[in-house]
């Protein structure tokens, strides 16, 4: 079973906590350096939506809980 993750890149202030708590899910986008869903988990070409395996739910939830501007959503 897979879990949806989203990052609101407009809201993101690049605190980088998502990349610390879940570096396997969130990586810097080459174009602007803002966090994005890792290419292997993206749904389509956009860097802001992905589906991760359930085994990565813990780190994803940590990233969501620690984002200072609540730019990350997991499972919604």
C-alpha atoms as a PDB file:
ATOM      1  CA  UNK A   1       0.000   0.000   0.000  1.00  0.00           C
ATOM      2  CA  UNK A   2       1.239   3.470  -0.873  1.00  0.00           C
ATOM      3  CA  UNK A   3       0.732   6.773   0.926  1.00  0.00           C
ATOM      4  CA  UNK A   4       0.329  10.160  -0.751  1.00  0.00           C
ATOM      5  CA  UNK A   5       2.715  12.976   0.170  1.00  0.00           C
ATOM      6  CA  UNK A   6       2.417  16.583  -0.938  1.00  0.00           C
ATOM      7  CA  UNK A   7       4.607  19.613  -0.492  1.00  0.00           C
ATOM      8  CA  UNK A   8       3.266  23.114  -1.035  1.00  0.00           C
ATOM      9  CA  UNK A   9       6.327  24.612  -2.681  1.00  0.00           C
ATOM     10  CA  UNK A  10       4.775  28.099  -2.716  1.00  0.00           C
ATOM     11  CA  UNK A  11       4.340  28.032   1.061  1.00  0.00           C
ATOM     12  CA  UNK A  12       7.774  26.465   1.673  1.00  0.00           C
ATOM     13  CA  UNK A  13      10.381  28.750   3.257  1.00  0.00           C
ATOM     14  CA  UNK A  14      13.242  26.249   2.698  1.00  0.00           C
ATOM     15  CA  UNK A  15      13.861  25.557   6.380  1.00  0.00           C
ATOM     16  CA  UNK A  16      15.108  22.158   5.188  1.00  0.00           C
ATOM     17  CA  UNK A  17      13.671  20.144   8.075  1.00  0.00           C
ATOM     18  CA  UNK A  18      11.805  17.813   5.716  1.00  0.00           C
ATOM     19  CA  UNK A  19      15.094  16.932   4.040  1.00  0.00           C
ATOM     20  CA  UNK A  20      16.629  16.230   7.462  1.00  0.00           C
ATOM     21  CA  UNK A  21      13.764  14.076   8.771  1.00  0.00           C
ATOM     22  CA  UNK A  22      12.983  12.302   5.484  1.00  0.00           C
ATOM     23  CA  UNK A  23      15.940  12.669   3.090  1.00  0.00           C
ATOM     24  CA  UNK A  24      14.803   9.622   1.143  1.00  0.00           C
ATOM     25  CA  UNK A  25      11.490  11.341   0.338  1.00  0.00           C
ATOM     26  CA  UNK A  26      12.317  15.053   0.094  1.00  0.00           C
ATOM     27  CA  UNK A  27      15.264  16.287  -1.951  1.00  0.00           C
ATOM     28  CA  UNK A  28      16.310  19.718  -3.224  1.00  0.00           C
ATOM     29  CA  UNK A  29      14.939  20.476  -6.682  1.00  0.00           C
ATOM     30  CA  UNK A  30      17.744  21.357  -9.092  1.00  0.00           C
ATOM     31  CA  UNK A  31      15.912  24.322 -10.606  1.00  0.00           C
ATOM     32  CA  UNK A  32      15.378  26.323  -7.402  1.00  0.00           C
ATOM     33  CA  UNK A  33      16.813  24.384  -4.454  1.00  0.00           C
ATOM     34  CA  UNK A  34      13.417  24.082  -2.747  1.00  0.00           C
ATOM     35  CA  UNK A  35      12.445  20.697  -1.337  1.00  0.00           C
ATOM     36  CA  UNK A  36      10.594  18.399  -3.711  1.00  0.00           C
ATOM     37  CA  UNK A  37       9.383  14.819  -3.681  1.00  0.00           C
ATOM     38  CA  UNK A  38      12.214  12.510  -4.769  1.00  0.00           C
ATOM     39  CA  UNK A  39      11.861  11.554  -8.456  1.00  0.00           C
ATOM     40  CA  UNK A  40      11.305   7.871  -7.709  1.00  0.00           C
ATOM     41  CA  UNK A  41       8.171   8.694  -5.684  1.00  0.00           C
ATOM     42  CA  UNK A  42       6.659  11.430  -7.860  1.00  0.00           C
ATOM     43  CA  UNK A  43       3.252  11.068  -9.400  1.00  0.00           C
ATOM     44  CA  UNK A  44       3.676  12.643 -12.818  1.00  0.00           C
ATOM     45  CA  UNK A  45       6.243  15.241 -13.765  1.00  0.00           C
ATOM     46  CA  UNK A  46       5.499  17.764 -10.988  1.00  0.00           C
ATOM     47  CA  UNK A  47       7.829  17.742  -7.958  1.00  0.00           C
ATOM     48  CA  UNK A  48       5.128  18.449  -5.376  1.00  0.00           C
ATOM     49  CA  UNK A  49       3.093  15.198  -5.234  1.00  0.00           C
ATOM     50  CA  UNK A  50       4.225  11.638  -4.673  1.00  0.00           C
ATOM     51  CA  UNK A  51       3.326   8.218  -3.406  1.00  0.00           C
ATOM     52  CA  UNK A  52       5.618   6.512  -0.931  1.00  0.00           C
ATOM     53  CA  UNK A  53       5.676   2.958   0.393  1.00  0.00           C
ATOM     54  CA  UNK A  54       4.045   2.509   3.790  1.00  0.00           C
ATOM     55  CA  UNK A  55       7.470   1.700   5.277  1.00  0.00           C
ATOM     56  CA  UNK A  56       8.406   5.391   4.855  1.00  0.00           C
ATOM     57  CA  UNK A  57       5.323   6.684   6.678  1.00  0.00           C
ATOM     58  CA  UNK A  58       7.271   7.342   9.904  1.00  0.00           C
ATOM     59  CA  UNK A  59       9.862   9.686   8.363  1.00  0.00           C
ATOM     60  CA  UNK A  60       7.163  11.352   6.244  1.00  0.00           C
ATOM     61  CA  UNK A  61       5.079  12.078   9.360  1.00  0.00           C
ATOM     62  CA  UNK A  62       8.179  13.455  11.129  1.00  0.00           C
ATOM     63  CA  UNK A  63       8.776  15.804   8.195  1.00  0.00           C
ATOM     64  CA  UNK A  64       5.132  16.885   8.263  1.00  0.00           C
ATOM     65  CA  UNK A  65       5.176  17.516  12.027  1.00  0.00           C
ATOM     66  CA  UNK A  66       8.401  19.519  11.916  1.00  0.00           C
ATOM     67  CA  UNK A  67       7.664  21.783   8.952  1.00  0.00           C
ATOM     68  CA  UNK A  68       7.426  25.289  10.458  1.00  0.00           C
ATOM     69  CA  UNK A  69       4.931  26.502   7.831  1.00  0.00           C
ATOM     70  CA  UNK A  70       2.942  23.251   7.482  1.00  0.00           C
ATOM     71  CA  UNK A  71       3.827  22.904   3.800  1.00  0.00           C
ATOM     72  CA  UNK A  72       3.814  19.094   3.924  1.00  0.00           C
ATOM     73  CA  UNK A  73       0.771  16.843   3.914  1.00  0.00           C
ATOM     74  CA  UNK A  74       0.950  13.091   4.373  1.00  0.00           C
ATOM     75  CA  UNK A  75      -1.894  10.727   3.578  1.00  0.00           C
ATOM     76  CA  UNK A  76      -4.414  13.332   2.494  1.00  0.00           C
END
